[in-house]
Amino acid sequence: MNDSGGRTDGMRDPADVGTNVPHPARMYDYWLGGKDNFAADRQTAEYALQAVPQLRDYARGNRQFLARATRFLGEAGIRQFLDIGSGLPTSPNVHEIAQQADPGSRVVYVDDDPMVYTHAAALLAKPLGVAAVGADMRDADEVLRQAGKLIDFGAPVAVMFVACLHHLEDHDDPAGVVARYLDAAVPGSYLVLSHCTHEQPQEIAADARGRGVTFIPRSKDAIARMFSGRELVDPGLVLVSYWRPDDGDPGPNADRVMAYGGIAAL
């Protein structure tokens, strides 16, 4: 972890946020129509949209997948949620949906962007059973240590990686990162995962890296391996808009949301 300037949560102070360097969470916020982003985020997000216009559909589709997945898990009896790489809070949030199923549900949001942490901590100051952790998802031990202050890992938990693992390099071993979290989850838990597919133009990955953002779309087979052989619930690994769409209608832009997603029972 980086020097936190005296903070105990492993994050830098908000004043240290690199406003000149784009961050995926803030770019995602921009695509969703949010205002918690800087000029560098907007410029890079707009550049990406010029190359891949469907990225806005992708952001919205992933957010809708997250909402449907959370409702599914609540109906399945899950009352603990670890949302890794959560990004900036956007309603409906995981805790809002989870606590509709059971007001006692517990949710921990994890992100490595100090701005995300600051906003999440402020927003979540009042709701009971909700916390924010500022940490790098690759540091599973630290995330689990902090999350364990609220979540009981001796009981089932939903481990959620929605639209975040494509921001890890291959040498970071995204599948291995996921596996370390699954090792801490007891039977009866679930894994929720979505990931941008390599069917996106590959030029965008190289351009993103040149602008300081890691963005690596991967094949369906590579994404499937991140589930570590766990059995997926119906309909399996599909483009996220086709994962149990509301009223059975994936929407007119379903095929523009080039990300695969699924849920596995542990």
C-alpha atoms as a PDB file:
ATOM      1  CA  MET A   1       0.000   0.000   0.000  1.00  0.00           C
ATOM      2  CA  ASN A   2       1.115   3.562  -0.634  1.00  0.00           C
ATOM      3  CA  ASP A   3       1.937   5.995   2.160  1.00  0.00           C
ATOM      4  CA  SER A   4      -1.451   7.182   3.426  1.00  0.00           C
ATOM      5  CA  GLY A   5      -0.294  10.442   4.990  1.00  0.00           C
ATOM      6  CA  GLY A   6      -1.442   9.405   8.426  1.00  0.00           C
ATOM      7  CA  ARG A   7      -4.723   7.766   7.427  1.00  0.00           C
ATOM      8  CA  THR A   8      -5.387   4.278   8.761  1.00  0.00           C
ATOM      9  CA  ASP A   9      -7.479   3.071   5.805  1.00  0.00           C
ATOM     10  CA  GLY A  10      -4.610   2.813   3.327  1.00  0.00           C
ATOM     11  CA  MET A  11      -5.862   5.651   1.127  1.00  0.00           C
ATOM     12  CA  ARG A  12      -4.348   9.027   0.296  1.00  0.00           C
ATOM     13  CA  ASP A  13      -6.028  12.217   1.446  1.00  0.00           C
ATOM     14  CA  PRO A  14      -8.483  13.725  -1.082  1.00  0.00           C
ATOM     15  CA  ALA A  15      -6.060  16.588  -1.752  1.00  0.00           C
ATOM     16  CA  ASP A  16      -3.615  14.034  -3.145  1.00  0.00           C
ATOM     17  CA  VAL A  17      -6.013  12.781  -5.827  1.00  0.00           C
ATOM     18  CA  GLY A  18      -4.304  12.972  -9.237  1.00  0.00           C
ATOM     19  CA  THR A  19      -6.715  15.223 -11.113  1.00  0.00           C
ATOM     20  CA  ASN A  20      -4.531  15.191 -14.232  1.00  0.00           C
ATOM     21  CA  VAL A  21      -4.568  11.413 -14.536  1.00  0.00           C
ATOM     22  CA  PRO A  22      -7.812   9.710 -15.654  1.00  0.00           C
ATOM     23  CA  HIS A  23      -9.221   6.985 -13.437  1.00  0.00           C
ATOM     24  CA  PRO A  24     -11.590   4.219 -14.647  1.00  0.00           C
ATOM     25  CA  ALA A  25     -14.101   4.839 -11.826  1.00  0.00           C
ATOM     26  CA  ARG A  26     -14.448   8.507 -12.759  1.00  0.00           C
ATOM     27  CA  MET A  27     -14.617   7.749 -16.495  1.00  0.00           C
ATOM     28  CA  TYR A  28     -17.369   5.232 -15.751  1.00  0.00           C
ATOM     29  CA  ASP A  29     -19.150   7.924 -13.738  1.00  0.00           C
ATOM     30  CA  TYR A  30     -18.956  10.250 -16.747  1.00  0.00           C
ATOM     31  CA  TRP A  31     -20.417   7.622 -19.097  1.00  0.00           C
ATOM     32  CA  LEU A  32     -23.272   7.141 -16.633  1.00  0.00           C
ATOM     33  CA  GLY A  33     -24.000  10.871 -16.671  1.00  0.00           C
ATOM     34  CA  GLY A  34     -22.415  11.626 -13.302  1.00  0.00           C
ATOM     35  CA  LYS A  35     -20.542  14.766 -12.292  1.00  0.00           C
ATOM     36  CA  ASP A  36     -17.861  13.330 -10.006  1.00  0.00           C
ATOM     37  CA  ASN A  37     -15.043  13.466 -12.549  1.00  0.00           C
ATOM     38  CA  PHE A  38     -12.227  15.728 -13.713  1.00  0.00           C
ATOM     39  CA  ALA A  39     -11.220  17.154 -17.086  1.00  0.00           C
ATOM     40  CA  ALA A  40      -8.696  14.347 -17.640  1.00  0.00           C
ATOM     41  CA  ASP A  41     -11.418  11.760 -17.040  1.00  0.00           C
ATOM     42  CA  ARG A  42     -13.868  13.483 -19.381  1.00  0.00           C
ATOM     43  CA  GLN A  43     -11.296  13.945 -22.133  1.00  0.00           C
ATOM     44  CA  THR A  44     -10.211  10.311 -22.042  1.00  0.00           C
ATOM     45  CA  ALA A  45     -13.819   9.092 -21.759  1.00  0.00           C
ATOM     46  CA  GLU A  46     -14.845  11.181 -24.785  1.00  0.00           C
ATOM     47  CA  TYR A  47     -11.818   9.982 -26.752  1.00  0.00           C
ATOM     48  CA  ALA A  48     -12.797   6.400 -25.973  1.00  0.00           C
ATOM     49  CA  LEU A  49     -16.382   7.073 -27.079  1.00  0.00           C
ATOM     50  CA  GLN A  50     -15.137   8.310 -30.436  1.00  0.00           C
ATOM     51  CA  ALA A  51     -13.369   4.996 -30.980  1.00  0.00           C
ATOM     52  CA  VAL A  52     -16.045   2.809 -29.342  1.00  0.00           C
ATOM     53  CA  PRO A  53     -19.419   4.631 -29.227  1.00  0.00           C
ATOM     54  CA  GLN A  54     -21.050   1.710 -27.421  1.00  0.00           C
ATOM     55  CA  LEU A  55     -19.016   2.346 -24.255  1.00  0.00           C
ATOM     56  CA  ARG A  56     -21.857   4.408 -22.809  1.00  0.00           C
ATOM     57  CA  ASP A  57     -24.223   1.473 -23.430  1.00  0.00           C
ATOM     58  CA  TYR A  58     -21.585  -0.772 -21.877  1.00  0.00           C
ATOM     59  CA  ALA A  59     -21.463   1.321 -18.684  1.00  0.00           C
ATOM     60  CA  ARG A  60     -25.240   1.428 -18.360  1.00  0.00           C
ATOM     61  CA  GLY A  61     -25.609  -2.262 -19.185  1.00  0.00           C
ATOM     62  CA  ASN A  62     -23.114  -3.264 -16.509  1.00  0.00           C
ATOM     63  CA  ARG A  63     -24.854  -1.076 -13.954  1.00  0.00           C
ATOM     64  CA  GLN A  64     -28.198  -2.674 -14.769  1.00  0.00           C
ATOM     65  CA  PHE A  65     -26.602  -6.129 -14.529  1.00  0.00           C
ATOM     66  CA  LEU A  66     -25.285  -5.233 -11.072  1.00  0.00           C
ATOM     67  CA  ALA A  67     -28.778  -4.230  -9.957  1.00  0.00           C
ATOM     68  CA  ARG A  68     -30.387  -7.421 -11.274  1.00  0.00           C
ATOM     69  CA  ALA A  69     -27.647  -9.577  -9.777  1.00  0.00           C
ATOM     70  CA  THR A  70     -28.093  -7.950  -6.368  1.00  0.00           C
ATOM     71  CA  ARG A  71     -31.850  -8.532  -6.463  1.00  0.00           C
ATOM     72  CA  PHE A  72     -31.262 -12.174  -7.434  1.00  0.00           C
ATOM     73  CA  LEU A  73     -28.859 -12.661  -4.537  1.00  0.00           C
ATOM     74  CA  GLY A  74     -31.237 -11.034  -2.075  1.00  0.00           C
ATOM     75  CA  GLU A  75     -33.981 -13.404  -3.207  1.00  0.00           C
ATOM     76  CA  ALA A  76     -31.498 -16.274  -2.799  1.00  0.00           C
ATOM     77  CA  GLY A  77     -31.040 -15.333   0.855  1.00  0.00           C
ATOM     78  CA  ILE A  78     -27.662 -13.580   0.669  1.00  0.00           C
ATOM     79  CA  ARG A  79     -27.337 -10.884   3.308  1.00  0.00           C
ATOM     80  CA  GLN A  80     -23.664  -9.922   2.942  1.00  0.00           C
ATOM     81  CA  PHE A  81     -22.128  -8.244  -0.118  1.00  0.00           C
ATOM     82  CA  LEU A  82     -18.502  -7.384  -0.920  1.00  0.00           C
ATOM     83  CA  ASP A  83     -18.565  -5.039  -3.933  1.00  0.00           C
ATOM     84  CA  ILE A  84     -14.979  -4.888  -5.225  1.00  0.00           C
ATOM     85  CA  GLY A  85     -13.974  -2.109  -7.603  1.00  0.00           C
ATOM     86  CA  SER A  86     -17.314  -0.486  -6.849  1.00  0.00           C
ATOM     87  CA  GLY A  87     -16.670   2.881  -8.458  1.00  0.00           C
ATOM     88  CA  LEU A  88     -18.473   6.072  -7.486  1.00  0.00           C
ATOM     89  CA  PRO A  89     -21.836   5.563  -5.770  1.00  0.00           C
ATOM     90  CA  THR A  90     -24.675   5.612  -8.311  1.00  0.00           C
ATOM     91  CA  SER A  91     -28.272   4.963  -7.279  1.00  0.00           C
ATOM     92  CA  PRO A  92     -29.599   2.383  -6.996  1.00  0.00           C
ATOM     93  CA  ASN A  93     -26.569   1.226  -5.053  1.00  0.00           C
ATOM     94  CA  VAL A  94     -25.977  -2.357  -3.960  1.00  0.00           C
ATOM     95  CA  HIS A  95     -26.918  -1.579  -0.365  1.00  0.00           C
ATOM     96  CA  GLU A  96     -30.180   0.104  -1.419  1.00  0.00           C
ATOM     97  CA  ILE A  97     -31.250  -2.994  -3.346  1.00  0.00           C
ATOM     98  CA  ALA A  98     -29.920  -5.493  -0.794  1.00  0.00           C
ATOM     99  CA  GLN A  99     -31.608  -3.747   2.104  1.00  0.00           C
ATOM    100  CA  GLN A 100     -34.934  -3.793   0.305  1.00  0.00           C
ATOM    101  CA  ALA A 101     -34.750  -7.587   0.613  1.00  0.00           C
ATOM    102  CA  ASP A 102     -33.584  -7.370   4.229  1.00  0.00           C
ATOM    103  CA  PRO A 103     -32.829  -4.112   6.100  1.00  0.00           C
ATOM    104  CA  GLY A 104     -30.177  -6.030   8.027  1.00  0.00           C
ATOM    105  CA  SER A 105     -28.091  -6.768   4.922  1.00  0.00           C
ATOM    106  CA  ARG A 106     -24.445  -5.742   5.135  1.00  0.00           C
ATOM    107  CA  VAL A 107     -22.518  -4.208   2.226  1.00  0.00           C
ATOM    108  CA  VAL A 108     -18.854  -3.247   1.904  1.00  0.00           C
ATOM    109  CA  TYR A 109     -17.714  -1.187  -1.083  1.00  0.00           C
ATOM    110  CA  VAL A 110     -14.057  -1.421  -2.167  1.00  0.00           C
ATOM    111  CA  ASP A 111     -12.151   0.913  -4.493  1.00  0.00           C
ATOM    112  CA  ASP A 112      -8.606   2.224  -4.785  1.00  0.00           C
ATOM    113  CA  ASP A 113      -9.489   5.755  -5.941  1.00  0.00           C
ATOM    114  CA  PRO A 114      -9.318   8.212  -2.995  1.00  0.00           C
ATOM    115  CA  MET A 115     -12.102  10.292  -4.575  1.00  0.00           C
ATOM    116  CA  VAL A 116     -14.355   7.233  -4.726  1.00  0.00           C
ATOM    117  CA  TYR A 117     -13.552   6.394  -1.118  1.00  0.00           C
ATOM    118  CA  THR A 118     -14.223   9.943   0.059  1.00  0.00           C
ATOM    119  CA  HIS A 119     -17.563  10.182  -1.722  1.00  0.00           C
ATOM    120  CA  ALA A 120     -18.621   6.716  -0.624  1.00  0.00           C
ATOM    121  CA  ALA A 121     -17.673   7.352   2.990  1.00  0.00           C
ATOM    122  CA  ALA A 122     -19.660  10.605   3.008  1.00  0.00           C
ATOM    123  CA  LEU A 123     -22.685   9.049   1.326  1.00  0.00           C
ATOM    124  CA  LEU A 124     -22.613   6.024   3.594  1.00  0.00           C
ATOM    125  CA  ALA A 125     -22.210   7.921   6.847  1.00  0.00           C
ATOM    126  CA  LYS A 126     -25.831   7.229   7.809  1.00  0.00           C
ATOM    127  CA  PRO A 127     -26.930   3.812   6.490  1.00  0.00           C
ATOM    128  CA  LEU A 128     -26.433   1.014   8.989  1.00  0.00           C
ATOM    129  CA  GLY A 129     -24.655  -2.112   7.817  1.00  0.00           C
ATOM    130  CA  VAL A 130     -22.720  -0.312   5.065  1.00  0.00           C
ATOM    131  CA  ALA A 131     -19.006   0.542   4.877  1.00  0.00           C
ATOM    132  CA  ALA A 132     -16.392   1.706   2.388  1.00  0.00           C
ATOM    133  CA  VAL A 133     -12.861   0.312   2.137  1.00  0.00           C
ATOM    134  CA  GLY A 134     -10.060   2.154   0.396  1.00  0.00           C
ATOM    135  CA  ALA A 135      -7.709  -0.505  -0.965  1.00  0.00           C
ATOM    136  CA  ASP A 136      -6.332  -2.070  -4.123  1.00  0.00           C
ATOM    137  CA  MET A 137      -8.341  -5.148  -5.121  1.00  0.00           C
ATOM    138  CA  ARG A 138      -5.081  -7.016  -5.749  1.00  0.00           C
ATOM    139  CA  ASP A 139      -4.300  -6.777  -2.038  1.00  0.00           C
ATOM    140  CA  ALA A 140      -6.879  -9.370  -1.023  1.00  0.00           C
ATOM    141  CA  ASP A 141      -5.503  -9.781   2.485  1.00  0.00           C
ATOM    142  CA  GLU A 142      -5.904  -6.065   3.222  1.00  0.00           C
ATOM    143  CA  VAL A 143      -9.366  -5.865   1.646  1.00  0.00           C
ATOM    144  CA  LEU A 144     -10.559  -8.907   3.574  1.00  0.00           C
ATOM    145  CA  ARG A 145      -9.065  -7.581   6.805  1.00  0.00           C
ATOM    146  CA  GLN A 146     -10.897  -4.279   6.521  1.00  0.00           C
ATOM    147  CA  ALA A 147     -14.111  -5.804   5.167  1.00  0.00           C
ATOM    148  CA  GLY A 148     -14.069  -8.299   8.031  1.00  0.00           C
ATOM    149  CA  LYS A 149     -14.881  -5.471  10.442  1.00  0.00           C
ATOM    150  CA  LEU A 150     -18.430  -5.595   9.078  1.00  0.00           C
ATOM    151  CA  ILE A 151     -18.754  -8.832   7.116  1.00  0.00           C
ATOM    152  CA  ASP A 152     -18.709 -12.247   8.802  1.00  0.00           C
ATOM    153  CA  PHE A 153     -16.783 -14.469   6.421  1.00  0.00           C
ATOM    154  CA  GLY A 154     -17.954 -17.477   8.390  1.00  0.00           C
ATOM    155  CA  ALA A 155     -21.362 -16.946   6.755  1.00  0.00           C
ATOM    156  CA  PRO A 156     -22.293 -16.778   3.040  1.00  0.00           C
ATOM    157  CA  VAL A 157     -21.285 -13.624   1.183  1.00  0.00           C
ATOM    158  CA  ALA A 158     -21.637 -12.320  -2.367  1.00  0.00           C
ATOM    159  CA  VAL A 159     -18.205 -11.494  -3.785  1.00  0.00           C
ATOM    160  CA  MET A 160     -18.769  -9.030  -6.627  1.00  0.00           C
ATOM    161  CA  PHE A 161     -16.345  -8.044  -9.406  1.00  0.00           C
ATOM    162  CA  VAL A 162     -18.491  -6.003 -11.796  1.00  0.00           C
ATOM    163  CA  ALA A 163     -16.678  -4.208 -14.631  1.00  0.00           C
ATOM    164  CA  CYS A 164     -13.363  -3.935 -12.793  1.00  0.00           C
ATOM    165  CA  LEU A 165     -11.098  -6.888 -13.645  1.00  0.00           C
ATOM    166  CA  HIS A 166     -10.386  -5.599 -17.161  1.00  0.00           C
ATOM    167  CA  HIS A 167      -8.451  -2.813 -15.409  1.00  0.00           C
ATOM    168  CA  LEU A 168      -5.847  -5.363 -14.312  1.00  0.00           C
ATOM    169  CA  GLU A 169      -2.870  -6.322 -16.467  1.00  0.00           C
ATOM    170  CA  ASP A 170      -2.366  -9.947 -17.460  1.00  0.00           C
ATOM    171  CA  HIS A 171       0.639 -10.151 -15.135  1.00  0.00           C
ATOM    172  CA  ASP A 172      -1.658  -9.212 -12.246  1.00  0.00           C
ATOM    173  CA  ASP A 173      -3.401 -12.573 -12.846  1.00  0.00           C
ATOM    174  CA  PRO A 174      -7.059 -11.470 -12.563  1.00  0.00           C
ATOM    175  CA  ALA A 175      -8.233 -15.076 -12.176  1.00  0.00           C
ATOM    176  CA  GLY A 176      -5.799 -15.533  -9.319  1.00  0.00           C
ATOM    177  CA  VAL A 177      -7.029 -12.335  -7.675  1.00  0.00           C
ATOM    178  CA  VAL A 178     -10.600 -13.651  -7.778  1.00  0.00           C
ATOM    179  CA  ALA A 179      -9.492 -17.039  -6.439  1.00  0.00           C
ATOM    180  CA  ARG A 180      -7.930 -15.448  -3.352  1.00  0.00           C
ATOM    181  CA  TYR A 181     -11.276 -13.923  -2.418  1.00  0.00           C
ATOM    182  CA  LEU A 182     -13.117 -17.167  -3.106  1.00  0.00           C
ATOM    183  CA  ASP A 183     -10.771 -18.937  -0.705  1.00  0.00           C
ATOM    184  CA  ALA A 184     -12.226 -16.743   2.056  1.00  0.00           C
ATOM    185  CA  ALA A 185     -15.863 -17.478   1.136  1.00  0.00           C
ATOM    186  CA  VAL A 186     -17.776 -20.360   2.703  1.00  0.00           C
ATOM    187  CA  PRO A 187     -20.149 -22.709   0.830  1.00  0.00           C
ATOM    188  CA  GLY A 188     -23.438 -21.008   0.106  1.00  0.00           C
ATOM    189  CA  SER A 189     -21.649 -17.881  -1.095  1.00  0.00           C
ATOM    190  CA  TYR A 190     -21.812 -16.503  -4.638  1.00  0.00           C
ATOM    191  CA  LEU A 191     -19.422 -14.922  -7.123  1.00  0.00           C
ATOM    192  CA  VAL A 192     -20.740 -12.136  -9.378  1.00  0.00           C
ATOM    193  CA  LEU A 193     -18.460 -11.147 -12.243  1.00  0.00           C
ATOM    194  CA  SER A 194     -18.625  -9.119 -15.441  1.00  0.00           C
ATOM    195  CA  HIS A 195     -15.781  -8.235 -17.779  1.00  0.00           C
ATOM    196  CA  CYS A 196     -15.385  -6.381 -21.071  1.00  0.00           C
ATOM    197  CA  THR A 197     -14.878  -8.758 -23.977  1.00  0.00           C
ATOM    198  CA  HIS A 198     -12.052  -8.660 -26.494  1.00  0.00           C
ATOM    199  CA  GLU A 199     -14.644  -8.131 -29.228  1.00  0.00           C
ATOM    200  CA  GLN A 200     -14.110  -4.450 -28.491  1.00  0.00           C
ATOM    201  CA  PRO A 201     -11.523  -2.943 -30.899  1.00  0.00           C
ATOM    202  CA  GLN A 202      -8.076  -3.724 -29.536  1.00  0.00           C
ATOM    203  CA  GLU A 203      -6.773  -0.242 -30.399  1.00  0.00           C
ATOM    204  CA  ILE A 204      -8.711   1.174 -27.454  1.00  0.00           C
ATOM    205  CA  ALA A 205      -6.644  -0.883 -25.014  1.00  0.00           C
ATOM    206  CA  ALA A 206      -3.355   0.501 -26.333  1.00  0.00           C
ATOM    207  CA  ASP A 207      -4.703   4.046 -26.461  1.00  0.00           C
ATOM    208  CA  ALA A 208      -6.035   3.788 -22.920  1.00  0.00           C
ATOM    209  CA  ARG A 209      -2.654   2.627 -21.638  1.00  0.00           C
ATOM    210  CA  GLY A 210      -1.008   5.610 -23.346  1.00  0.00           C
ATOM    211  CA  ARG A 211      -3.352   7.874 -21.405  1.00  0.00           C
ATOM    212  CA  GLY A 212      -2.620   6.226 -18.072  1.00  0.00           C
ATOM    213  CA  VAL A 213      -5.575   3.823 -17.921  1.00  0.00           C
ATOM    214  CA  THR A 214      -5.331   0.038 -17.977  1.00  0.00           C
ATOM    215  CA  PHE A 215      -8.170  -1.414 -20.039  1.00  0.00           C
ATOM    216  CA  ILE A 216      -7.791  -4.988 -21.298  1.00  0.00           C
ATOM    217  CA  PRO A 217     -10.825  -6.648 -22.916  1.00  0.00           C
ATOM    218  CA  ARG A 218     -10.595 -10.442 -22.820  1.00  0.00           C
ATOM    219  CA  SER A 219     -12.138 -13.418 -24.579  1.00  0.00           C
ATOM    220  CA  LYS A 220     -15.169 -15.251 -23.272  1.00  0.00           C
ATOM    221  CA  ASP A 221     -12.989 -18.274 -22.465  1.00  0.00           C
ATOM    222  CA  ALA A 222     -10.569 -16.123 -20.452  1.00  0.00           C
ATOM    223  CA  ILE A 223     -13.461 -14.568 -18.551  1.00  0.00           C
ATOM    224  CA  ALA A 224     -14.983 -17.999 -17.892  1.00  0.00           C
ATOM    225  CA  ARG A 225     -11.706 -19.129 -16.290  1.00  0.00           C
ATOM    226  CA  MET A 226     -12.072 -16.388 -13.693  1.00  0.00           C
ATOM    227  CA  PHE A 227     -14.924 -18.410 -12.164  1.00  0.00           C
ATOM    228  CA  SER A 228     -12.360 -21.063 -11.134  1.00  0.00           C
ATOM    229  CA  GLY A 229     -14.509 -23.929 -12.386  1.00  0.00           C
ATOM    230  CA  ARG A 230     -17.502 -22.989 -10.212  1.00  0.00           C
ATOM    231  CA  GLU A 231     -20.944 -23.858 -11.501  1.00  0.00           C
ATOM    232  CA  LEU A 232     -22.799 -20.885 -12.958  1.00  0.00           C
ATOM    233  CA  VAL A 233     -26.475 -20.305 -12.378  1.00  0.00           C
ATOM    234  CA  ASP A 234     -28.757 -20.103 -15.401  1.00  0.00           C
ATOM    235  CA  PRO A 235     -28.257 -18.623 -18.016  1.00  0.00           C
ATOM    236  CA  GLY A 236     -24.507 -19.042 -17.498  1.00  0.00           C
ATOM    237  CA  LEU A 237     -21.922 -16.645 -18.916  1.00  0.00           C
ATOM    238  CA  VAL A 238     -23.680 -14.318 -21.363  1.00  0.00           C
ATOM    239  CA  LEU A 239     -23.548 -10.734 -22.549  1.00  0.00           C
ATOM    240  CA  VAL A 240     -24.687  -8.871 -19.454  1.00  0.00           C
ATOM    241  CA  SER A 241     -27.855  -7.437 -21.015  1.00  0.00           C
ATOM    242  CA  TYR A 242     -29.050 -11.003 -21.575  1.00  0.00           C
ATOM    243  CA  TRP A 243     -28.529 -12.059 -17.954  1.00  0.00           C
ATOM    244  CA  ARG A 244     -32.105 -12.368 -16.654  1.00  0.00           C
ATOM    245  CA  PRO A 245     -33.307  -9.065 -18.140  1.00  0.00           C
ATOM    246  CA  ASP A 246     -36.288  -7.397 -16.498  1.00  0.00           C
ATOM    247  CA  ASP A 247     -39.552  -8.628 -18.052  1.00  0.00           C
ATOM    248  CA  GLY A 248     -37.433 -10.806 -20.358  1.00  0.00           C
ATOM    249  CA  ASP A 249     -36.541  -7.797 -22.531  1.00  0.00           C
ATOM    250  CA  PRO A 250     -32.787  -7.098 -22.848  1.00  0.00           C
ATOM    251  CA  GLY A 251     -33.464  -3.749 -24.534  1.00  0.00           C
ATOM    252  CA  PRO A 252     -32.727  -2.386 -28.017  1.00  0.00           C
ATOM    253  CA  ASN A 253     -28.997  -1.831 -27.367  1.00  0.00           C
ATOM    254  CA  ALA A 254     -28.316  -5.197 -25.745  1.00  0.00           C
ATOM    255  CA  ASP A 255     -25.721  -6.246 -28.310  1.00  0.00           C
ATOM    256  CA  ARG A 256     -23.801  -2.991 -27.863  1.00  0.00           C
ATOM    257  CA  VAL A 257     -22.989  -3.880 -24.251  1.00  0.00           C
ATOM    258  CA  MET A 258     -19.873  -5.888 -25.009  1.00  0.00           C
ATOM    259  CA  ALA A 259     -19.268  -7.426 -21.618  1.00  0.00           C
ATOM    260  CA  TYR A 260     -19.856 -10.967 -20.421  1.00  0.00           C
ATOM    261  CA  GLY A 261     -21.266 -11.597 -16.984  1.00  0.00           C
ATOM    262  CA  GLY A 262     -22.535 -14.367 -14.771  1.00  0.00           C
ATOM    263  CA  ILE A 263     -23.077 -15.601 -11.232  1.00  0.00           C
ATOM    264  CA  ALA A 264     -21.546 -18.737  -9.752  1.00  0.00           C
ATOM    265  CA  ALA A 265     -22.650 -20.589  -6.629  1.00  0.00           C
ATOM    266  CA  LEU A 266     -19.787 -21.543  -4.298  1.00  0.00           C
END
